[in-house]
Amino acid sequence: QVQLVESGGGLVQAGGSLMLSCAASGLTFSSYSMGWFRLVPGKEREFVAQISWSSIIINYADSVKGRFTISRDNAKNTVYLQMNGLKPEDTAVYYCAARPSGGTIASYWGQGTQVTVSS
């Protein structure tokens, strides 16, 4: 059974930092690209960042470029999202997702972790 478990969310003041983690189990982690998405009630799910299995290909949404950093540790089956310079508009539930390398659609999703940024 595949599981993606996010952690690290919380309440932080604007300008602060948080690091999200997503621990994967039940899959060959190094065979998957990993991504972070976020969802605000009433809005569409938004892509945040993604990283290839080798960490060579990394992409960010324009809204987080220069502030967020995605990384992964294949030995620990974990992907991270370091978030610096947080803004109130970053408030959302953050989800990690696993997409088979070479695939176009995420196969697995985590349950999400809430990030709230106060002004």
C-alpha atoms as a PDB file:
ATOM      1  CA  GLN A   1       0.000   0.000   0.000  1.00  0.00           C
ATOM      2  CA  VAL A   2       1.433   3.319  -1.081  1.00  0.00           C
ATOM      3  CA  GLN A   3       1.456   6.100   1.468  1.00  0.00           C
ATOM      4  CA  LEU A   4       2.615   9.689   1.233  1.00  0.00           C
ATOM      5  CA  VAL A   5       2.638  11.432   4.599  1.00  0.00           C
ATOM      6  CA  GLU A   6       3.228  15.168   4.784  1.00  0.00           C
ATOM      7  CA  SER A   7       4.402  16.951   7.903  1.00  0.00           C
ATOM      8  CA  GLY A   8       5.844  20.272   8.951  1.00  0.00           C
ATOM      9  CA  GLY A   9       2.893  22.556   8.393  1.00  0.00           C
ATOM     10  CA  GLY A  10       1.795  25.100  10.931  1.00  0.00           C
ATOM     11  CA  LEU A  11       1.211  28.750  11.728  1.00  0.00           C
ATOM     12  CA  VAL A  12       3.939  31.254  10.948  1.00  0.00           C
ATOM     13  CA  GLN A  13       4.185  35.002  10.654  1.00  0.00           C
ATOM     14  CA  ALA A  14       4.728  36.669   7.307  1.00  0.00           C
ATOM     15  CA  GLY A  15       8.400  36.585   6.417  1.00  0.00           C
ATOM     16  CA  GLY A  16       8.955  33.390   8.339  1.00  0.00           C
ATOM     17  CA  SER A  17       9.993  29.938   7.210  1.00  0.00           C
ATOM     18  CA  LEU A  18       8.706  26.406   7.316  1.00  0.00           C
ATOM     19  CA  MET A  19      10.027  23.122   5.981  1.00  0.00           C
ATOM     20  CA  LEU A  20       7.529  20.550   4.782  1.00  0.00           C
ATOM     21  CA  SER A  21       8.430  16.887   4.522  1.00  0.00           C
ATOM     22  CA  CYS A  22       6.715  14.095   2.641  1.00  0.00           C
ATOM     23  CA  ALA A  23       7.663  10.561   3.573  1.00  0.00           C
ATOM     24  CA  ALA A  24       6.813   7.901   1.012  1.00  0.00           C
ATOM     25  CA  SER A  25       6.356   4.194   1.526  1.00  0.00           C
ATOM     26  CA  GLY A  26       5.122   1.269  -0.540  1.00  0.00           C
ATOM     27  CA  LEU A  27       6.663   2.457  -3.798  1.00  0.00           C
ATOM     28  CA  THR A  28      10.063   2.564  -5.468  1.00  0.00           C
ATOM     29  CA  PHE A  29      10.690   6.171  -4.548  1.00  0.00           C
ATOM     30  CA  SER A  30      13.572   6.695  -6.954  1.00  0.00           C
ATOM     31  CA  SER A  31      11.277   5.776  -9.865  1.00  0.00           C
ATOM     32  CA  TYR A  32       8.992   8.732  -9.227  1.00  0.00           C
ATOM     33  CA  SER A  33       9.119  12.430  -9.789  1.00  0.00           C
ATOM     34  CA  MET A  34       7.751  14.213  -6.748  1.00  0.00           C
ATOM     35  CA  GLY A  35       5.769  17.390  -6.564  1.00  0.00           C
ATOM     36  CA  TRP A  36       4.153  19.798  -4.152  1.00  0.00           C
ATOM     37  CA  PHE A  37       0.757  21.349  -4.767  1.00  0.00           C
ATOM     38  CA  ARG A  38      -1.448  23.569  -2.676  1.00  0.00           C
ATOM     39  CA  LEU A  39      -5.153  24.119  -2.326  1.00  0.00           C
ATOM     40  CA  VAL A  40      -7.111  27.046  -0.987  1.00  0.00           C
ATOM     41  CA  PRO A  41     -10.840  26.519  -0.409  1.00  0.00           C
ATOM     42  CA  GLY A  42     -12.800  27.880  -3.341  1.00  0.00           C
ATOM     43  CA  LYS A  43      -9.793  27.889  -5.648  1.00  0.00           C
ATOM     44  CA  GLU A  44      -8.248  25.384  -8.006  1.00  0.00           C
ATOM     45  CA  ARG A  45      -5.341  23.256  -6.904  1.00  0.00           C
ATOM     46  CA  GLU A  46      -2.088  25.056  -7.679  1.00  0.00           C
ATOM     47  CA  PHE A  47       1.224  23.560  -8.700  1.00  0.00           C
ATOM     48  CA  VAL A  48       4.062  24.667  -6.424  1.00  0.00           C
ATOM     49  CA  ALA A  49       7.207  22.698  -7.316  1.00  0.00           C
ATOM     50  CA  GLN A  50       8.419  19.420  -8.725  1.00  0.00           C
ATOM     51  CA  ILE A  51      11.658  17.461  -8.742  1.00  0.00           C
ATOM     52  CA  SER A  52      12.737  14.573 -10.942  1.00  0.00           C
ATOM     53  CA  TRP A  53      13.915  11.263  -9.517  1.00  0.00           C
ATOM     54  CA  SER A  54      17.544  12.306  -9.973  1.00  0.00           C
ATOM     55  CA  SER A  55      17.010  15.874  -8.700  1.00  0.00           C
ATOM     56  CA  ILE A  56      18.372  17.133 -12.018  1.00  0.00           C
ATOM     57  CA  ILE A  57      15.094  18.635 -13.233  1.00  0.00           C
ATOM     58  CA  ILE A  58      13.406  21.057 -10.856  1.00  0.00           C
ATOM     59  CA  ASN A  59      10.527  23.407 -11.609  1.00  0.00           C
ATOM     60  CA  TYR A  60       8.736  26.044  -9.568  1.00  0.00           C
ATOM     61  CA  ALA A  61       5.615  28.073  -9.921  1.00  0.00           C
ATOM     62  CA  ASP A  62       6.412  31.713 -10.599  1.00  0.00           C
ATOM     63  CA  SER A  63       4.672  32.654  -7.364  1.00  0.00           C
ATOM     64  CA  VAL A  64       7.236  30.793  -5.240  1.00  0.00           C
ATOM     65  CA  LYS A  65      10.440  31.108  -7.269  1.00  0.00           C
ATOM     66  CA  GLY A  66      13.288  32.432  -5.200  1.00  0.00           C
ATOM     67  CA  ARG A  67      11.476  31.708  -1.938  1.00  0.00           C
ATOM     68  CA  PHE A  68      10.786  27.964  -1.964  1.00  0.00           C
ATOM     69  CA  THR A  69      13.264  25.127  -2.497  1.00  0.00           C
ATOM     70  CA  ILE A  70      12.311  21.539  -3.269  1.00  0.00           C
ATOM     71  CA  SER A  71      14.720  18.702  -2.561  1.00  0.00           C
ATOM     72  CA  ARG A  72      14.652  14.967  -2.044  1.00  0.00           C
ATOM     73  CA  ASP A  73      16.571  12.243  -0.287  1.00  0.00           C
ATOM     74  CA  ASN A  74      16.083   8.959  -2.121  1.00  0.00           C
ATOM     75  CA  ALA A  75      17.794   7.045   0.688  1.00  0.00           C
ATOM     76  CA  LYS A  76      15.108   8.295   3.079  1.00  0.00           C
ATOM     77  CA  ASN A  77      12.204   8.151   0.613  1.00  0.00           C
ATOM     78  CA  THR A  78      11.452  11.750   1.483  1.00  0.00           C
ATOM     79  CA  VAL A  79      10.852  14.955  -0.430  1.00  0.00           C
ATOM     80  CA  TYR A  80      11.121  18.365   1.198  1.00  0.00           C
ATOM     81  CA  LEU A  81       9.841  21.850   0.572  1.00  0.00           C
ATOM     82  CA  GLN A  82      11.776  24.609   2.275  1.00  0.00           C
ATOM     83  CA  MET A  83       9.613  27.708   2.334  1.00  0.00           C
ATOM     84  CA  ASN A  84      11.220  31.048   3.134  1.00  0.00           C
ATOM     85  CA  GLY A  85       9.828  34.548   2.988  1.00  0.00           C
ATOM     86  CA  LEU A  86       6.327  33.264   3.527  1.00  0.00           C
ATOM     87  CA  LYS A  87       3.431  35.518   2.590  1.00  0.00           C
ATOM     88  CA  PRO A  88      -0.226  35.419   3.678  1.00  0.00           C
ATOM     89  CA  GLU A  89      -1.124  34.319   0.153  1.00  0.00           C
ATOM     90  CA  ASP A  90       0.909  31.150   0.706  1.00  0.00           C
ATOM     91  CA  THR A  91      -1.741  30.021   3.179  1.00  0.00           C
ATOM     92  CA  ALA A  92      -3.121  26.712   1.907  1.00  0.00           C
ATOM     93  CA  VAL A  93      -3.191  22.992   2.420  1.00  0.00           C
ATOM     94  CA  TYR A  94      -0.022  21.615   0.878  1.00  0.00           C
ATOM     95  CA  TYR A  95      -0.023  18.184  -0.738  1.00  0.00           C
ATOM     96  CA  CYS A  96       2.799  16.081  -2.068  1.00  0.00           C
ATOM     97  CA  ALA A  97       2.305  13.877  -5.086  1.00  0.00           C
ATOM     98  CA  ALA A  98       4.225  11.086  -6.782  1.00  0.00           C
ATOM     99  CA  ARG A  99       4.310  10.782 -10.566  1.00  0.00           C
ATOM    100  CA  PRO A 100       6.020   7.892 -12.331  1.00  0.00           C
ATOM    101  CA  SER A 101       9.112   9.108 -14.144  1.00  0.00           C
ATOM    102  CA  GLY A 102       8.094   9.701 -17.733  1.00  0.00           C
ATOM    103  CA  GLY A 103       4.423   9.853 -16.816  1.00  0.00           C
ATOM    104  CA  THR A 104       2.176  12.862 -17.006  1.00  0.00           C
ATOM    105  CA  ILE A 105      -0.235  12.314 -14.162  1.00  0.00           C
ATOM    106  CA  ALA A 106       0.379  11.922 -10.452  1.00  0.00           C
ATOM    107  CA  SER A 107      -0.380   8.432  -9.252  1.00  0.00           C
ATOM    108  CA  TYR A 108      -0.394   9.056  -5.536  1.00  0.00           C
ATOM    109  CA  TRP A 109      -1.257  11.930  -3.223  1.00  0.00           C
ATOM    110  CA  GLY A 110      -0.694  12.639   0.427  1.00  0.00           C
ATOM    111  CA  GLN A 111      -3.361  13.765   2.867  1.00  0.00           C
ATOM    112  CA  GLY A 112      -2.089  17.323   3.042  1.00  0.00           C
ATOM    113  CA  THR A 113      -0.664  19.599   5.705  1.00  0.00           C
ATOM    114  CA  GLN A 114      -2.027  23.036   6.583  1.00  0.00           C
ATOM    115  CA  VAL A 115       0.216  26.074   6.258  1.00  0.00           C
ATOM    116  CA  THR A 116      -1.132  29.331   7.641  1.00  0.00           C
ATOM    117  CA  VAL A 117       0.775  32.583   7.273  1.00  0.00           C
ATOM    118  CA  SER A 118      -0.410  35.491   9.386  1.00  0.00           C
ATOM    119  CA  SER A 119       0.136  39.096   8.362  1.00  0.00           C
END
